[in-house]
Amino acid sequence: MRLDASGKVSLDHIYTAPDPRTYFQVLRPLGYRVPQLAKPYFEKLIKEYRETEQVAVPRVLDIGCSYGINAALLKYDLTMDELYARYDGTGPSSRAGLLARDQDLSRSRSPAHGLRFTGLDASAGALAYAHEAGFLDGTVNADLEANDPTPAQRDLLAGTDLVISTGCIGYVTERTLARVVRAQDGRLPWMAHFVLRMFPFEPVEAALDELGYRTVRVDEVFKQRRFAGPQEQRGVLDSLAAAGVDACGLEEDGWLYAQLYLSRPQHG
């Protein structure tokens, strides 16, 4: 088992496959569920934004979107259980067959809410699948940790109303978020980030504060997934201890946990 610098098992291969089967078949035994737990919070925030800002069809940017999971859940009111069943290996055997089935779904199922989803990710393959399937309306294949967006990428990022993520913060930092905000030409999109407890959010919050945001943390904690084994659990517990985070009753019991941070313009 190979661990990354945070102590987590490295699952890089599940994000680069040409279709989502590996992603879901690896994560299903681990009980990965944070997108499902995040869904009602995102829905509430989107509804509030729509009503407050009088925007009928908000534009949502999902950072670290992989195969468009959050978009599928929110646009088409799917569940994680449905997605696990959809990609469990018993359906079409080819990428083309999977795509055709997903395109039928996105064409036949009216979006549960008027939304436009753009996905930002470093995996071109995952983005391509999600876009071709109809889950994502637009894609930005970029590493904004290392580079400023190109003019074409800025155009795709501009006009974002809400920025969401479910697990990428820690690997993605305030550098990416600042570059996304600066692409808005003065507008400040609302944000909601589910962040694993091993990753301190204070540097992100400080950077967002400088950009004009006010951040609050939701009191609840959210199960992300089970540990892949004792070695990963030990690695994560070491990271939590180094960060001064008490794992008693949470990660010590076998699950990774996330917290939700909501950031809005200070004048809002």
C-alpha atoms as a PDB file:
ATOM      1  CA  MET A   1       0.000   0.000   0.000  1.00  0.00           C
ATOM      2  CA  ARG A   2       1.497   3.320  -1.093  1.00  0.00           C
ATOM      3  CA  LEU A   3       0.646   6.329   1.069  1.00  0.00           C
ATOM      4  CA  ASP A   4       0.845   9.946  -0.013  1.00  0.00           C
ATOM      5  CA  ALA A   5       2.377  12.743   2.065  1.00  0.00           C
ATOM      6  CA  SER A   6      -0.867  13.185   4.048  1.00  0.00           C
ATOM      7  CA  GLY A   7      -0.902   9.532   5.147  1.00  0.00           C
ATOM      8  CA  LYS A   8      -3.741   8.557   2.794  1.00  0.00           C
ATOM      9  CA  VAL A   9      -3.483   5.644   0.422  1.00  0.00           C
ATOM     10  CA  SER A  10      -2.661   6.789  -3.101  1.00  0.00           C
ATOM     11  CA  LEU A  11      -5.630   6.195  -5.410  1.00  0.00           C
ATOM     12  CA  ASP A  12      -4.384   8.289  -8.327  1.00  0.00           C
ATOM     13  CA  HIS A  13      -5.170   5.567 -10.860  1.00  0.00           C
ATOM     14  CA  ILE A  14      -8.934   5.732 -10.292  1.00  0.00           C
ATOM     15  CA  TYR A  15      -9.095   9.336 -11.509  1.00  0.00           C
ATOM     16  CA  THR A  16      -7.343   8.797 -14.846  1.00  0.00           C
ATOM     17  CA  ALA A  17      -9.191   5.837 -16.348  1.00  0.00           C
ATOM     18  CA  PRO A  18     -11.157   6.551 -19.547  1.00  0.00           C
ATOM     19  CA  ASP A  19     -14.490   5.831 -17.831  1.00  0.00           C
ATOM     20  CA  PRO A  20     -15.790   5.783 -14.213  1.00  0.00           C
ATOM     21  CA  ARG A  21     -15.893   2.015 -13.606  1.00  0.00           C
ATOM     22  CA  THR A  22     -12.554   1.779 -11.791  1.00  0.00           C
ATOM     23  CA  TYR A  23     -13.423   4.841  -9.691  1.00  0.00           C
ATOM     24  CA  PHE A  24     -16.677   3.386  -8.412  1.00  0.00           C
ATOM     25  CA  GLN A  25     -15.514  -0.212  -8.087  1.00  0.00           C
ATOM     26  CA  VAL A  26     -12.528   0.813  -5.937  1.00  0.00           C
ATOM     27  CA  LEU A  27     -14.466   3.245  -3.751  1.00  0.00           C
ATOM     28  CA  ARG A  28     -17.618   1.171  -3.234  1.00  0.00           C
ATOM     29  CA  PRO A  29     -16.042  -1.329  -0.771  1.00  0.00           C
ATOM     30  CA  LEU A  30     -14.684   1.665   1.172  1.00  0.00           C
ATOM     31  CA  GLY A  31     -18.164   3.125   1.599  1.00  0.00           C
ATOM     32  CA  TYR A  32     -17.249   6.415  -0.094  1.00  0.00           C
ATOM     33  CA  ARG A  33     -20.242   8.666   0.510  1.00  0.00           C
ATOM     34  CA  VAL A  34     -19.336  12.320   0.968  1.00  0.00           C
ATOM     35  CA  PRO A  35     -20.938  13.511  -2.314  1.00  0.00           C
ATOM     36  CA  GLN A  36     -24.256  12.031  -1.143  1.00  0.00           C
ATOM     37  CA  LEU A  37     -23.922  13.692   2.283  1.00  0.00           C
ATOM     38  CA  ALA A  38     -22.928  16.959   0.621  1.00  0.00           C
ATOM     39  CA  LYS A  39     -25.881  16.970  -1.772  1.00  0.00           C
ATOM     40  CA  PRO A  40     -28.537  18.515   0.541  1.00  0.00           C
ATOM     41  CA  TYR A  41     -26.104  21.212   1.678  1.00  0.00           C
ATOM     42  CA  PHE A  42     -25.256  22.115  -1.909  1.00  0.00           C
ATOM     43  CA  GLU A  43     -28.958  22.103  -2.818  1.00  0.00           C
ATOM     44  CA  LYS A  44     -29.759  24.443   0.055  1.00  0.00           C
ATOM     45  CA  LEU A  45     -26.947  26.822  -0.853  1.00  0.00           C
ATOM     46  CA  ILE A  46     -27.910  26.851  -4.527  1.00  0.00           C
ATOM     47  CA  LYS A  47     -31.536  27.552  -3.644  1.00  0.00           C
ATOM     48  CA  GLU A  48     -30.505  30.398  -1.365  1.00  0.00           C
ATOM     49  CA  TYR A  49     -28.199  31.835  -4.028  1.00  0.00           C
ATOM     50  CA  ARG A  50     -30.906  31.598  -6.678  1.00  0.00           C
ATOM     51  CA  GLU A  51     -33.374  33.459  -4.461  1.00  0.00           C
ATOM     52  CA  THR A  52     -30.948  36.024  -3.034  1.00  0.00           C
ATOM     53  CA  GLU A  53     -29.162  36.911  -6.253  1.00  0.00           C
ATOM     54  CA  GLN A  54     -32.165  36.413  -8.560  1.00  0.00           C
ATOM     55  CA  VAL A  55     -30.232  34.021 -10.803  1.00  0.00           C
ATOM     56  CA  ALA A  56     -32.513  31.449 -12.431  1.00  0.00           C
ATOM     57  CA  VAL A  57     -29.774  29.110 -13.645  1.00  0.00           C
ATOM     58  CA  PRO A  58     -26.699  29.362 -11.397  1.00  0.00           C
ATOM     59  CA  ARG A  59     -23.324  28.399 -12.803  1.00  0.00           C
ATOM     60  CA  VAL A  60     -21.524  25.977 -10.506  1.00  0.00           C
ATOM     61  CA  LEU A  61     -17.795  25.254 -10.639  1.00  0.00           C
ATOM     62  CA  ASP A  62     -16.838  21.878  -9.130  1.00  0.00           C
ATOM     63  CA  ILE A  63     -13.134  21.798  -8.272  1.00  0.00           C
ATOM     64  CA  GLY A  64     -11.648  18.306  -8.443  1.00  0.00           C
ATOM     65  CA  CYS A  65     -14.822  17.085 -10.136  1.00  0.00           C
ATOM     66  CA  SER A  66     -13.359  13.820 -11.556  1.00  0.00           C
ATOM     67  CA  TYR A  67     -16.165  12.127 -13.513  1.00  0.00           C
ATOM     68  CA  GLY A  68     -18.804  14.756 -12.701  1.00  0.00           C
ATOM     69  CA  ILE A  69     -20.179  13.006  -9.622  1.00  0.00           C
ATOM     70  CA  ASN A  70     -21.577  16.097  -7.897  1.00  0.00           C
ATOM     71  CA  ALA A  71     -23.059  17.295 -11.181  1.00  0.00           C
ATOM     72  CA  ALA A  72     -24.816  13.969 -11.745  1.00  0.00           C
ATOM     73  CA  LEU A  73     -26.256  13.998  -8.230  1.00  0.00           C
ATOM     74  CA  LEU A  74     -27.423  17.605  -8.364  1.00  0.00           C
ATOM     75  CA  LYS A  75     -28.530  17.995 -11.982  1.00  0.00           C
ATOM     76  CA  TYR A  76     -30.281  14.656 -12.393  1.00  0.00           C
ATOM     77  CA  ASP A  77     -31.131  13.861  -8.756  1.00  0.00           C
ATOM     78  CA  LEU A  78     -29.124  10.645  -8.859  1.00  0.00           C
ATOM     79  CA  THR A  79     -27.763   8.962  -5.725  1.00  0.00           C
ATOM     80  CA  MET A  80     -24.387   7.420  -5.008  1.00  0.00           C
ATOM     81  CA  ASP A  81     -26.061   4.004  -4.733  1.00  0.00           C
ATOM     82  CA  GLU A  82     -27.446   4.453  -8.253  1.00  0.00           C
ATOM     83  CA  LEU A  83     -24.016   5.418  -9.550  1.00  0.00           C
ATOM     84  CA  TYR A  84     -22.353   2.457  -7.818  1.00  0.00           C
ATOM     85  CA  ALA A  85     -24.894   0.137  -9.466  1.00  0.00           C
ATOM     86  CA  ARG A  86     -24.498   1.911 -12.798  1.00  0.00           C
ATOM     87  CA  TYR A  87     -20.753   1.293 -13.026  1.00  0.00           C
ATOM     88  CA  ASP A  88     -20.465  -2.047 -11.208  1.00  0.00           C
ATOM     89  CA  GLY A  89     -19.232  -3.900 -14.296  1.00  0.00           C
ATOM     90  CA  THR A  90     -22.518  -5.608 -15.195  1.00  0.00           C
ATOM     91  CA  GLY A  91     -23.523  -3.001 -17.786  1.00  0.00           C
ATOM     92  CA  PRO A  92     -21.952  -2.155 -21.144  1.00  0.00           C
ATOM     93  CA  SER A  93     -18.420  -3.491 -21.453  1.00  0.00           C
ATOM     94  CA  SER A  94     -16.999  -0.620 -23.489  1.00  0.00           C
ATOM     95  CA  ARG A  95     -16.512   3.083 -22.865  1.00  0.00           C
ATOM     96  CA  ALA A  96     -18.647   3.820 -25.919  1.00  0.00           C
ATOM     97  CA  GLY A  97     -21.458   1.698 -24.523  1.00  0.00           C
ATOM     98  CA  LEU A  98     -21.292   3.364 -21.129  1.00  0.00           C
ATOM     99  CA  LEU A  99     -21.283   6.796 -22.745  1.00  0.00           C
ATOM    100  CA  ALA A 100     -24.301   5.990 -24.900  1.00  0.00           C
ATOM    101  CA  ARG A 101     -26.232   4.839 -21.835  1.00  0.00           C
ATOM    102  CA  ASP A 102     -25.279   7.951 -19.862  1.00  0.00           C
ATOM    103  CA  GLN A 103     -26.128  10.219 -22.777  1.00  0.00           C
ATOM    104  CA  ASP A 104     -29.576   8.616 -22.901  1.00  0.00           C
ATOM    105  CA  LEU A 105     -29.982   9.380 -19.211  1.00  0.00           C
ATOM    106  CA  SER A 106     -28.897  13.015 -19.493  1.00  0.00           C
ATOM    107  CA  ARG A 107     -31.152  13.554 -22.510  1.00  0.00           C
ATOM    108  CA  SER A 108     -34.194  11.826 -21.054  1.00  0.00           C
ATOM    109  CA  ARG A 109     -34.065  13.032 -17.448  1.00  0.00           C
ATOM    110  CA  SER A 110     -34.871  16.705 -17.087  1.00  0.00           C
ATOM    111  CA  PRO A 111     -32.464  18.390 -14.685  1.00  0.00           C
ATOM    112  CA  ALA A 112     -33.946  18.465 -11.184  1.00  0.00           C
ATOM    113  CA  HIS A 113     -32.778  22.066 -10.896  1.00  0.00           C
ATOM    114  CA  GLY A 114     -31.758  24.659 -13.448  1.00  0.00           C
ATOM    115  CA  LEU A 115     -27.982  24.439 -13.185  1.00  0.00           C
ATOM    116  CA  ARG A 116     -24.928  24.697 -15.391  1.00  0.00           C
ATOM    117  CA  PHE A 117     -21.908  22.752 -14.193  1.00  0.00           C
ATOM    118  CA  THR A 118     -18.278  23.392 -15.109  1.00  0.00           C
ATOM    119  CA  GLY A 119     -15.699  20.908 -13.909  1.00  0.00           C
ATOM    120  CA  LEU A 120     -12.118  21.819 -13.034  1.00  0.00           C
ATOM    121  CA  ASP A 121      -9.731  18.887 -12.834  1.00  0.00           C
ATOM    122  CA  ALA A 122      -6.221  17.815 -13.785  1.00  0.00           C
ATOM    123  CA  SER A 123      -7.518  14.572 -15.339  1.00  0.00           C
ATOM    124  CA  ALA A 124      -8.346  15.126 -18.987  1.00  0.00           C
ATOM    125  CA  GLY A 125      -9.851  11.638 -19.281  1.00  0.00           C
ATOM    126  CA  ALA A 126     -12.290  12.072 -16.409  1.00  0.00           C
ATOM    127  CA  LEU A 127     -13.344  15.501 -17.673  1.00  0.00           C
ATOM    128  CA  ALA A 128     -13.856  14.199 -21.197  1.00  0.00           C
ATOM    129  CA  TYR A 129     -16.112  11.397 -19.993  1.00  0.00           C
ATOM    130  CA  ALA A 130     -18.217  13.648 -17.756  1.00  0.00           C
ATOM    131  CA  HIS A 131     -18.633  16.214 -20.532  1.00  0.00           C
ATOM    132  CA  GLU A 132     -19.487  13.693 -23.244  1.00  0.00           C
ATOM    133  CA  ALA A 133     -21.959  11.977 -20.904  1.00  0.00           C
ATOM    134  CA  GLY A 134     -23.783  15.260 -20.348  1.00  0.00           C
ATOM    135  CA  PHE A 135     -23.024  15.576 -16.641  1.00  0.00           C
ATOM    136  CA  LEU A 136     -20.769  18.600 -17.117  1.00  0.00           C
ATOM    137  CA  ASP A 137     -21.686  21.534 -19.356  1.00  0.00           C
ATOM    138  CA  GLY A 138     -18.103  22.762 -19.561  1.00  0.00           C
ATOM    139  CA  THR A 139     -14.629  21.650 -18.501  1.00  0.00           C
ATOM    140  CA  VAL A 140     -11.351  23.249 -17.499  1.00  0.00           C
ATOM    141  CA  ASN A 141      -8.410  20.851 -17.666  1.00  0.00           C
ATOM    142  CA  ALA A 142      -5.798  22.741 -15.663  1.00  0.00           C
ATOM    143  CA  ASP A 143      -3.474  22.664 -12.674  1.00  0.00           C
ATOM    144  CA  LEU A 144      -4.169  26.049 -11.090  1.00  0.00           C
ATOM    145  CA  GLU A 145      -1.835  25.216  -8.224  1.00  0.00           C
ATOM    146  CA  ALA A 146       1.078  25.600 -10.606  1.00  0.00           C
ATOM    147  CA  ASN A 147      -0.190  27.909 -13.312  1.00  0.00           C
ATOM    148  CA  ASP A 148      -2.445  30.863 -13.958  1.00  0.00           C
ATOM    149  CA  PRO A 149      -5.389  30.014 -16.203  1.00  0.00           C
ATOM    150  CA  THR A 150      -4.901  30.688 -19.876  1.00  0.00           C
ATOM    151  CA  PRO A 151      -7.131  33.334 -21.483  1.00  0.00           C
ATOM    152  CA  ALA A 152      -9.404  30.563 -22.782  1.00  0.00           C
ATOM    153  CA  GLN A 153      -9.584  28.967 -19.336  1.00  0.00           C
ATOM    154  CA  ARG A 154     -10.340  32.341 -17.717  1.00  0.00           C
ATOM    155  CA  ASP A 155     -13.254  32.724 -20.101  1.00  0.00           C
ATOM    156  CA  LEU A 156     -14.592  29.338 -19.002  1.00  0.00           C
ATOM    157  CA  LEU A 157     -14.161  30.186 -15.312  1.00  0.00           C
ATOM    158  CA  ALA A 158     -15.674  33.678 -15.609  1.00  0.00           C
ATOM    159  CA  GLY A 159     -19.280  34.063 -14.572  1.00  0.00           C
ATOM    160  CA  THR A 160     -19.134  31.370 -11.879  1.00  0.00           C
ATOM    161  CA  ASP A 161     -21.871  31.793  -9.252  1.00  0.00           C
ATOM    162  CA  LEU A 162     -20.918  29.023  -6.815  1.00  0.00           C
ATOM    163  CA  VAL A 163     -17.710  27.056  -6.221  1.00  0.00           C
ATOM    164  CA  ILE A 164     -17.940  23.620  -4.594  1.00  0.00           C
ATOM    165  CA  SER A 165     -15.623  20.734  -3.751  1.00  0.00           C
ATOM    166  CA  THR A 166     -15.854  17.400  -1.950  1.00  0.00           C
ATOM    167  CA  GLY A 167     -12.388  16.327  -0.935  1.00  0.00           C
ATOM    168  CA  CYS A 168      -9.807  18.106  -3.076  1.00  0.00           C
ATOM    169  CA  ILE A 169      -8.846  20.844  -0.577  1.00  0.00           C
ATOM    170  CA  GLY A 170      -5.521  19.883   0.927  1.00  0.00           C
ATOM    171  CA  TYR A 171      -4.229  18.787  -2.450  1.00  0.00           C
ATOM    172  CA  VAL A 172      -5.713  21.933  -3.944  1.00  0.00           C
ATOM    173  CA  THR A 173      -4.909  25.046  -1.886  1.00  0.00           C
ATOM    174  CA  GLU A 174      -5.719  28.722  -1.670  1.00  0.00           C
ATOM    175  CA  ARG A 175      -3.638  29.241  -4.833  1.00  0.00           C
ATOM    176  CA  THR A 176      -6.275  27.556  -6.977  1.00  0.00           C
ATOM    177  CA  LEU A 177      -9.186  29.288  -5.240  1.00  0.00           C
ATOM    178  CA  ALA A 178      -7.556  32.709  -5.587  1.00  0.00           C
ATOM    179  CA  ARG A 179      -6.982  32.139  -9.301  1.00  0.00           C
ATOM    180  CA  VAL A 180     -10.616  31.113  -9.733  1.00  0.00           C
ATOM    181  CA  VAL A 181     -11.803  34.255  -7.925  1.00  0.00           C
ATOM    182  CA  ARG A 182      -9.499  36.518  -9.910  1.00  0.00           C
ATOM    183  CA  ALA A 183     -10.983  35.148 -13.113  1.00  0.00           C
ATOM    184  CA  GLN A 184     -14.351  36.660 -12.092  1.00  0.00           C
ATOM    185  CA  ASP A 185     -13.312  40.302 -12.665  1.00  0.00           C
ATOM    186  CA  GLY A 186     -14.443  41.513  -9.266  1.00  0.00           C
ATOM    187  CA  ARG A 187     -17.374  39.171  -8.627  1.00  0.00           C
ATOM    188  CA  LEU A 188     -17.179  36.875  -5.599  1.00  0.00           C
ATOM    189  CA  PRO A 189     -18.884  33.511  -6.115  1.00  0.00           C
ATOM    190  CA  TRP A 190     -20.262  31.760  -3.044  1.00  0.00           C
ATOM    191  CA  MET A 191     -18.270  28.697  -1.931  1.00  0.00           C
ATOM    192  CA  ALA A 192     -18.851  25.395  -0.129  1.00  0.00           C
ATOM    193  CA  HIS A 193     -15.932  23.045   0.522  1.00  0.00           C
ATOM    194  CA  PHE A 194     -15.961  19.651   2.249  1.00  0.00           C
ATOM    195  CA  VAL A 195     -12.448  19.289   3.666  1.00  0.00           C
ATOM    196  CA  LEU A 196     -10.862  16.268   5.339  1.00  0.00           C
ATOM    197  CA  ARG A 197     -10.051  17.058   8.962  1.00  0.00           C
ATOM    198  CA  MET A 198      -6.336  16.347   8.510  1.00  0.00           C
ATOM    199  CA  PHE A 199      -6.019  19.388   6.266  1.00  0.00           C
ATOM    200  CA  PRO A 200      -6.017  22.774   8.024  1.00  0.00           C
ATOM    201  CA  PHE A 201      -8.391  25.222   6.381  1.00  0.00           C
ATOM    202  CA  GLU A 202      -6.925  28.320   8.039  1.00  0.00           C
ATOM    203  CA  PRO A 203      -4.576  29.242   5.141  1.00  0.00           C
ATOM    204  CA  VAL A 204      -7.486  28.987   2.707  1.00  0.00           C
ATOM    205  CA  GLU A 205      -9.751  31.006   4.985  1.00  0.00           C
ATOM    206  CA  ALA A 206      -7.100  33.711   5.384  1.00  0.00           C
ATOM    207  CA  ALA A 207      -6.624  33.988   1.623  1.00  0.00           C
ATOM    208  CA  LEU A 208     -10.373  34.161   1.044  1.00  0.00           C
ATOM    209  CA  ASP A 209     -10.678  36.804   3.759  1.00  0.00           C
ATOM    210  CA  GLU A 210      -8.173  38.972   1.873  1.00  0.00           C
ATOM    211  CA  LEU A 211     -10.307  38.576  -1.244  1.00  0.00           C
ATOM    212  CA  GLY A 212     -13.419  39.787   0.597  1.00  0.00           C
ATOM    213  CA  TYR A 213     -14.966  36.611   2.019  1.00  0.00           C
ATOM    214  CA  ARG A 214     -16.387  35.622   5.388  1.00  0.00           C
ATOM    215  CA  THR A 215     -16.101  31.894   6.186  1.00  0.00           C
ATOM    216  CA  VAL A 216     -18.068  29.786   8.665  1.00  0.00           C
ATOM    217  CA  ARG A 217     -17.612  26.131   9.537  1.00  0.00           C
ATOM    218  CA  VAL A 218     -20.645  23.897   9.908  1.00  0.00           C
ATOM    219  CA  ASP A 219     -20.587  22.106  13.280  1.00  0.00           C
ATOM    220  CA  GLU A 220     -21.399  18.666  11.880  1.00  0.00           C
ATOM    221  CA  VAL A 221     -18.745  16.227  10.655  1.00  0.00           C
ATOM    222  CA  PHE A 222     -19.256  14.010   7.596  1.00  0.00           C
ATOM    223  CA  LYS A 223     -18.044  10.500   6.863  1.00  0.00           C
ATOM    224  CA  GLN A 224     -15.975  10.416   3.694  1.00  0.00           C
ATOM    225  CA  ARG A 225     -15.001   6.748   3.465  1.00  0.00           C
ATOM    226  CA  ARG A 226     -13.538   3.883   5.449  1.00  0.00           C
ATOM    227  CA  PHE A 227      -9.791   3.524   5.709  1.00  0.00           C
ATOM    228  CA  ALA A 228      -8.298   1.224   3.104  1.00  0.00           C
ATOM    229  CA  GLY A 229      -6.427  -0.625   5.866  1.00  0.00           C
ATOM    230  CA  PRO A 230      -4.524  -0.259   9.148  1.00  0.00           C
ATOM    231  CA  GLN A 231      -1.507   1.309   7.432  1.00  0.00           C
ATOM    232  CA  GLU A 232      -3.602   4.145   5.991  1.00  0.00           C
ATOM    233  CA  GLN A 233      -5.368   4.661   9.311  1.00  0.00           C
ATOM    234  CA  ARG A 234      -2.036   4.946  11.134  1.00  0.00           C
ATOM    235  CA  GLY A 235      -0.773   7.424   8.529  1.00  0.00           C
ATOM    236  CA  VAL A 236      -3.851   9.613   8.803  1.00  0.00           C
ATOM    237  CA  LEU A 237      -3.885   9.457  12.616  1.00  0.00           C
ATOM    238  CA  ASP A 238      -0.260  10.627  12.578  1.00  0.00           C
ATOM    239  CA  SER A 239      -1.218  13.541  10.309  1.00  0.00           C
ATOM    240  CA  LEU A 240      -4.136  14.462  12.560  1.00  0.00           C
ATOM    241  CA  ALA A 241      -1.951  14.335  15.653  1.00  0.00           C
ATOM    242  CA  ALA A 242       0.661  16.538  13.971  1.00  0.00           C
ATOM    243  CA  ALA A 243      -2.101  19.030  13.142  1.00  0.00           C
ATOM    244  CA  GLY A 244      -3.395  18.958  16.727  1.00  0.00           C
ATOM    245  CA  VAL A 245      -6.741  17.397  15.728  1.00  0.00           C
ATOM    246  CA  ASP A 246      -8.400  14.993  18.192  1.00  0.00           C
ATOM    247  CA  ALA A 247      -9.365  11.768  16.379  1.00  0.00           C
ATOM    248  CA  CYS A 248     -11.134  10.207  19.375  1.00  0.00           C
ATOM    249  CA  GLY A 249     -14.513   8.791  18.394  1.00  0.00           C
ATOM    250  CA  LEU A 250     -13.981   9.674  14.739  1.00  0.00           C
ATOM    251  CA  GLU A 251     -10.957   8.621  12.673  1.00  0.00           C
ATOM    252  CA  GLU A 252      -9.854   6.300  15.477  1.00  0.00           C
ATOM    253  CA  ASP A 253     -13.011   4.290  14.766  1.00  0.00           C
ATOM    254  CA  GLY A 254     -12.112   3.582  11.150  1.00  0.00           C
ATOM    255  CA  TRP A 255     -13.484   6.377   8.961  1.00  0.00           C
ATOM    256  CA  LEU A 256     -12.103   9.479   7.310  1.00  0.00           C
ATOM    257  CA  TYR A 257     -14.167  12.536   8.234  1.00  0.00           C
ATOM    258  CA  ALA A 258     -14.670  15.878   6.525  1.00  0.00           C
ATOM    259  CA  GLN A 259     -15.900  19.280   7.668  1.00  0.00           C
ATOM    260  CA  LEU A 260     -17.905  21.800   5.659  1.00  0.00           C
ATOM    261  CA  TYR A 261     -16.750  25.386   5.204  1.00  0.00           C
ATOM    262  CA  LEU A 262     -19.079  27.985   3.683  1.00  0.00           C
ATOM    263  CA  SER A 263     -17.575  31.186   2.312  1.00  0.00           C
ATOM    264  CA  ARG A 264     -19.596  34.161   1.112  1.00  0.00           C
ATOM    265  CA  PRO A 265     -18.791  37.779   0.263  1.00  0.00           C
ATOM    266  CA  GLN A 266     -18.424  39.842   3.419  1.00  0.00           C
ATOM    267  CA  HIS A 267     -20.982  42.343   2.144  1.00  0.00           C
ATOM    268  CA  GLY A 268     -23.520  39.549   1.525  1.00  0.00           C
END
